[in-house]
Every structure is written in C-alpha cells, then in structure tokens.
C-alpha atoms as a PDB file:
ATOM      1  CA  UNK A   1      -0.070  -0.109   0.182  1.00  0.00           C
ATOM      2  CA  UNK A   2       2.868   2.336   0.944  1.00  0.00           C
ATOM      3  CA  UNK A   3       4.496   1.650  -2.580  1.00  0.00           C
ATOM      4  CA  UNK A   4       1.172   2.537  -3.927  1.00  0.00           C
ATOM      5  CA  UNK A   5       0.811   5.908  -2.521  1.00  0.00           C
ATOM      6  CA  UNK A   6       4.512   6.810  -2.565  1.00  0.00           C
ATOM      7  CA  UNK A   7       4.249   5.957  -6.109  1.00  0.00           C
ATOM      8  CA  UNK A   8       0.979   8.205  -6.916  1.00  0.00           C
ATOM      9  CA  UNK A   9       2.877  10.691  -5.106  1.00  0.00           C
ATOM     10  CA  UNK A  10       5.792  10.631  -7.228  1.00  0.00           C
ATOM     11  CA  UNK A  11       3.943  10.600 -10.340  1.00  0.00           C
ATOM     12  CA  UNK A  12       1.702  13.591  -9.377  1.00  0.00           C
ATOM     13  CA  UNK A  13       5.053  15.770  -8.348  1.00  0.00           C
ATOM     14  CA  UNK A  14       6.249  14.953 -11.756  1.00  0.00           C
ATOM     15  CA  UNK A  15       3.049  16.307 -13.110  1.00  0.00           C
ATOM     16  CA  UNK A  16       3.232  19.304 -11.050  1.00  0.00           C
ATOM     17  CA  UNK A  17       6.620  19.824 -12.452  1.00  0.00           C
ATOM     18  CA  UNK A  18       5.750  19.120 -16.239  1.00  0.00           C
ATOM     19  CA  UNK A  19       3.019  21.514 -15.581  1.00  0.00           C
ATOM     20  CA  UNK A  20       5.127  24.192 -14.225  1.00  0.00           C
ATOM     21  CA  UNK A  21       7.686  23.950 -17.142  1.00  0.00           C
ATOM     22  CA  UNK A  22       4.640  24.481 -19.318  1.00  0.00           C
ATOM     23  CA  UNK A  23       3.770  27.515 -17.750  1.00  0.00           C
ATOM     24  CA  UNK A  24       7.320  28.932 -17.765  1.00  0.00           C
ATOM     25  CA  UNK A  25       7.671  28.392 -21.601  1.00  0.00           C
ATOM     26  CA  UNK A  26       4.077  29.950 -21.903  1.00  0.00           C
ATOM     27  CA  UNK A  27       5.085  32.730 -20.313  1.00  0.00           C
ATOM     28  CA  UNK A  28       8.478  33.051 -22.258  1.00  0.00           C
ATOM     29  CA  UNK A  29       6.901  32.730 -25.690  1.00  0.00           C
ATOM     30  CA  UNK A  30       4.211  35.594 -24.660  1.00  0.00           C
ATOM     31  CA  UNK A  31       7.218  38.058 -23.596  1.00  0.00           C
ATOM     32  CA  UNK A  32       8.433  37.202 -26.910  1.00  0.00           C
ATOM     33  CA  UNK A  33       5.352  38.130 -28.721  1.00  0.00           C
ATOM     34  CA  UNK A  34       4.658  40.954 -26.671  1.00  0.00           C
ATOM     35  CA  UNK A  35       8.698  42.594 -27.640  1.00  0.00           C
ATOM     36  CA  UNK A  36       7.927  41.462 -31.239  1.00  0.00           C
ATOM     37  CA  UNK A  37       5.146  43.505 -31.385  1.00  0.00           C
ATOM     38  CA  UNK A  38       6.479  46.270 -30.010  1.00  0.00           C
ATOM     39  CA  UNK A  39       9.259  46.421 -32.313  1.00  0.00           C
ATOM     40  CA  UNK A  40       7.282  46.354 -35.129  1.00  0.00           C
ATOM     41  CA  UNK A  41       5.050  49.178 -34.258  1.00  0.00           C
ATOM     42  CA  UNK A  42       8.311  50.954 -33.328  1.00  0.00           C
ATOM     43  CA  UNK A  43       9.589  50.399 -36.673  1.00  0.00           C
ATOM     44  CA  UNK A  44       6.341  51.496 -38.438  1.00  0.00           C
ATOM     45  CA  UNK A  45       6.299  55.058 -36.413  1.00  0.00           C
ATOM     46  CA  UNK A  46       8.196  57.613 -38.700  1.00  0.00           C
ATOM     47  CA  UNK A  47      10.245  60.511 -37.481  1.00  0.00           C
ATOM     48  CA  UNK A  48       8.894  64.026 -38.302  1.00  0.00           C
ATOM     49  CA  UNK A  49      11.553  64.403 -41.073  1.00  0.00           C
ATOM     50  CA  UNK A  50      11.327  61.403 -42.713  1.00  0.00           C
ATOM     51  CA  UNK A  51      11.033  61.226 -46.666  1.00  0.00           C
ATOM     52  CA  UNK A  52       7.386  59.563 -46.901  1.00  0.00           C
ATOM     53  CA  UNK A  53       6.131  62.746 -44.760  1.00  0.00           C
ATOM     54  CA  UNK A  54       7.614  65.447 -46.780  1.00  0.00           C
ATOM     55  CA  UNK A  55       6.583  63.434 -49.745  1.00  0.00           C
ATOM     56  CA  UNK A  56       2.777  63.363 -48.780  1.00  0.00           C
ATOM     57  CA  UNK A  57       3.389  67.393 -48.067  1.00  0.00           C
ATOM     58  CA  UNK A  58       3.178  68.693 -51.423  1.00  0.00           C
ATOM     59  CA  UNK A  59       1.922  72.184 -52.530  1.00  0.00           C
ATOM     60  CA  UNK A  60      -1.435  72.792 -53.857  1.00  0.00           C
ATOM     61  CA  UNK A  61      -0.173  73.547 -57.440  1.00  0.00           C
ATOM     62  CA  UNK A  62       1.272  70.074 -57.521  1.00  0.00           C
ATOM     63  CA  UNK A  63      -1.942  68.757 -56.236  1.00  0.00           C
ATOM     64  CA  UNK A  64      -3.852  70.474 -58.431  1.00  0.00           C
ATOM     65  CA  UNK A  65      -1.980  69.162 -61.481  1.00  0.00           C
ATOM     66  CA  UNK A  66      -2.518  65.582 -60.136  1.00  0.00           C
ATOM     67  CA  UNK A  67      -6.067  66.328 -59.777  1.00  0.00           C
ATOM     68  CA  UNK A  68      -6.324  66.998 -63.440  1.00  0.00           C
ATOM     69  CA  UNK A  69      -4.544  63.618 -64.386  1.00  0.00           C
ATOM     70  CA  UNK A  70      -6.868  62.006 -61.890  1.00  0.00           C
ATOM     71  CA  UNK A  71      -9.945  63.904 -63.572  1.00  0.00           C
ATOM     72  CA  UNK A  72      -9.001  62.488 -66.869  1.00  0.00           C
ATOM     73  CA  UNK A  73      -8.540  59.040 -65.697  1.00  0.00           C
ATOM     74  CA  UNK A  74     -11.620  58.948 -64.263  1.00  0.00           C
ATOM     75  CA  UNK A  75      -9.944  58.084 -60.953  1.00  0.00           C
ATOM     76  CA  UNK A  76     -12.073  56.037 -58.166  1.00  0.00           C
ATOM     77  CA  UNK A  77     -11.797  56.808 -54.604  1.00  0.00           C
ATOM     78  CA  UNK A  78      -8.376  54.228 -53.867  1.00  0.00           C
ATOM     79  CA  UNK A  79      -6.356  55.860 -56.568  1.00  0.00           C
ATOM     80  CA  UNK A  80      -7.361  59.187 -55.518  1.00  0.00           C
ATOM     81  CA  UNK A  81      -6.546  58.710 -51.630  1.00  0.00           C
ATOM     82  CA  UNK A  82      -3.195  57.097 -52.783  1.00  0.00           C
ATOM     83  CA  UNK A  83      -2.377  59.550 -55.291  1.00  0.00           C
ATOM     84  CA  UNK A  84      -2.931  62.656 -52.905  1.00  0.00           C
ATOM     85  CA  UNK A  85      -1.468  61.039 -50.030  1.00  0.00           C
ATOM     86  CA  UNK A  86       1.252  58.920 -50.380  1.00  0.00           C
ATOM     87  CA  UNK A  87       3.011  59.422 -47.247  1.00  0.00           C
ATOM     88  CA  UNK A  88      -0.107  58.675 -45.572  1.00  0.00           C
ATOM     89  CA  UNK A  89      -0.440  62.128 -43.357  1.00  0.00           C
ATOM     90  CA  UNK A  90      -3.213  61.895 -40.676  1.00  0.00           C
ATOM     91  CA  UNK A  91      -4.279  65.808 -41.728  1.00  0.00           C
ATOM     92  CA  UNK A  92      -4.444  64.949 -45.288  1.00  0.00           C
ATOM     93  CA  UNK A  93      -6.203  61.491 -44.898  1.00  0.00           C
ATOM     94  CA  UNK A  94      -8.888  63.226 -42.257  1.00  0.00           C
ATOM     95  CA  UNK A  95      -9.288  65.826 -45.184  1.00  0.00           C
ATOM     96  CA  UNK A  96      -9.526  63.225 -48.182  1.00  0.00           C
ATOM     97  CA  UNK A  97     -12.315  61.322 -45.697  1.00  0.00           C
ATOM     98  CA  UNK A  98     -14.272  64.364 -45.291  1.00  0.00           C
ATOM     99  CA  UNK A  99     -14.211  65.357 -48.937  1.00  0.00           C
ATOM    100  CA  UNK A 100     -14.855  61.625 -49.748  1.00  0.00           C
ATOM    101  CA  UNK A 101     -18.133  61.336 -47.339  1.00  0.00           C
ATOM    102  CA  UNK A 102     -20.701  63.433 -49.449  1.00  0.00           C
ATOM    103  CA  UNK A 103     -18.795  62.186 -52.408  1.00  0.00           C
ATOM    104  CA  UNK A 104     -18.287  58.277 -51.744  1.00  0.00           C
ATOM    105  CA  UNK A 105     -20.131  56.810 -55.031  1.00  0.00           C
ATOM    106  CA  UNK A 106     -19.344  60.424 -57.206  1.00  0.00           C
ATOM    107  CA  UNK A 107     -15.476  60.793 -56.996  1.00  0.00           C
ATOM    108  CA  UNK A 108     -15.753  62.919 -60.150  1.00  0.00           C
ATOM    109  CA  UNK A 109     -18.019  65.502 -58.420  1.00  0.00           C
ATOM    110  CA  UNK A 110     -15.066  65.101 -55.605  1.00  0.00           C
ATOM    111  CA  UNK A 111     -11.919  65.469 -57.619  1.00  0.00           C
ATOM    112  CA  UNK A 112     -14.059  68.877 -59.269  1.00  0.00           C
ATOM    113  CA  UNK A 113     -14.832  70.284 -55.689  1.00  0.00           C
ATOM    114  CA  UNK A 114     -11.062  69.452 -54.489  1.00  0.00           C
ATOM    115  CA  UNK A 115      -9.897  71.254 -58.046  1.00  0.00           C
ATOM    116  CA  UNK A 116     -12.107  74.521 -57.435  1.00  0.00           C
ATOM    117  CA  UNK A 117     -10.917  74.565 -53.761  1.00  0.00           C
ATOM    118  CA  UNK A 118      -7.177  74.248 -54.936  1.00  0.00           C
ATOM    119  CA  UNK A 119      -7.543  77.267 -57.277  1.00  0.00           C
ATOM    120  CA  UNK A 120      -8.993  79.145 -54.651  1.00  0.00           C
ATOM    121  CA  UNK A 121      -6.293  78.510 -52.267  1.00  0.00           C
ATOM    122  CA  UNK A 122      -3.553  79.276 -54.901  1.00  0.00           C
ATOM    123  CA  UNK A 123      -5.440  82.383 -55.806  1.00  0.00           C
ATOM    124  CA  UNK A 124      -5.329  83.484 -51.761  1.00  0.00           C
ATOM    125  CA  UNK A 125      -1.594  82.014 -51.373  1.00  0.00           C
ATOM    126  CA  UNK A 126       0.731  81.252 -54.157  1.00  0.00           C
ATOM    127  CA  UNK A 127       2.593  78.792 -51.727  1.00  0.00           C
ATOM    128  CA  UNK A 128      -0.249  77.185 -50.227  1.00  0.00           C
ATOM    129  CA  UNK A 129       0.085  73.637 -48.934  1.00  0.00           C
ATOM    130  CA  UNK A 130      -2.123  70.577 -50.080  1.00  0.00           C
ATOM    131  CA  UNK A 131      -3.693  70.835 -46.475  1.00  0.00           C
ATOM    132  CA  UNK A 132      -4.533  74.305 -46.683  1.00  0.00           C
ATOM    133  CA  UNK A 133      -6.143  73.548 -50.467  1.00  0.00           C
ATOM    134  CA  UNK A 134      -7.734  70.435 -49.097  1.00  0.00           C
ATOM    135  CA  UNK A 135      -9.138  72.581 -46.358  1.00  0.00           C
ATOM    136  CA  UNK A 136     -10.661  75.092 -48.855  1.00  0.00           C
ATOM    137  CA  UNK A 137     -12.342  72.538 -50.933  1.00  0.00           C
ATOM    138  CA  UNK A 138     -13.952  71.045 -47.814  1.00  0.00           C
ATOM    139  CA  UNK A 139     -15.481  74.478 -46.577  1.00  0.00           C
ATOM    140  CA  UNK A 140     -16.577  75.175 -50.388  1.00  0.00           C
ATOM    141  CA  UNK A 141     -18.189  72.097 -50.675  1.00  0.00           C
ATOM    142  CA  UNK A 142     -20.968  73.265 -48.051  1.00  0.00           C
ATOM    143  CA  UNK A 143     -21.813  76.582 -49.872  1.00  0.00           C
ATOM    144  CA  UNK A 144     -24.853  76.286 -51.762  1.00  0.00           C
ATOM    145  CA  UNK A 145     -24.963  78.566 -54.596  1.00  0.00           C
ATOM    146  CA  UNK A 146     -27.270  81.320 -54.947  1.00  0.00           C
ATOM    147  CA  UNK A 147     -29.023  83.070 -57.876  1.00  0.00           C
ATOM    148  CA  UNK A 148     -26.007  86.019 -58.975  1.00  0.00           C
ATOM    149  CA  UNK A 149     -23.371  84.199 -56.857  1.00  0.00           C
END
C-alpha cells in the first residue's frame, strides 16, 4: 500500500513539474510575442522629417496638376487617396475622408470640388500647401450657390 501511495505522489510531483515547465514556456513565448509586436510598432513609427512624410506635404500647385490627371483618368477613391496622400499623412487623410463622405459614389464630383478648392487656395496664397487647399475644398463643398453668386 505504501508503494502505491508513494508512486502516486511521485507521479503527481512529475505532473506538477511538467505543468510548471509548460507555464514558464508559455510566459516566455508571450513575452517574446509582446516584444516582437512592440518592435514592429516602433519600426512603423516615422520621425517628423522622414522622406515619406515630406513626400505627402506637397504644394497645392502640384496637387492641382495631380487632380487634373486623376480627372482625365476617371479615378476612383482608392486611386485618389493613394495619389494625393502617398505618405499617409494623418491630416491629409482626414481632409480627404471629409471630402469623400458626401461624394463616396461620385468621385468625379469630389475631384471637381477639390480642383475648385485648390484654385481658390492658390489665388489666396501662391505657396499654399496641400492641406490648405484641401481645407478650402472642404469649406467650399458646403456652400450652396445662390442666384447671382
């Protein structure tokens, strides 16, 4: 009887050790996964002066030329978003989404609204930025023309 009890205890002790080893391995794997995930997030972060950020901050004049090209191509929203915001600038993306909202199914109309906004921005300031021009376009899309305007 004693042998049976001690062999059961021995087996139970081995099972506990195996369980503890599995827990340690699981925690180690989780730590490695978290560190890897954080490293990937850190790599995606771009400093303020990075090339892609500078690429996205074009002038309104370049944007207007690009808009005319997109209009002649009959571009849809994915192409419009990619062309006007290649550096994935947050402000440009937000402004483009604001313009896309009411024109989701009519990108040609949005391109016309943007072109008008870009021209207005350039008339106000010959060195207007892409963001300035998109702000002009966004503000002008809500204006309802009246007779004589």
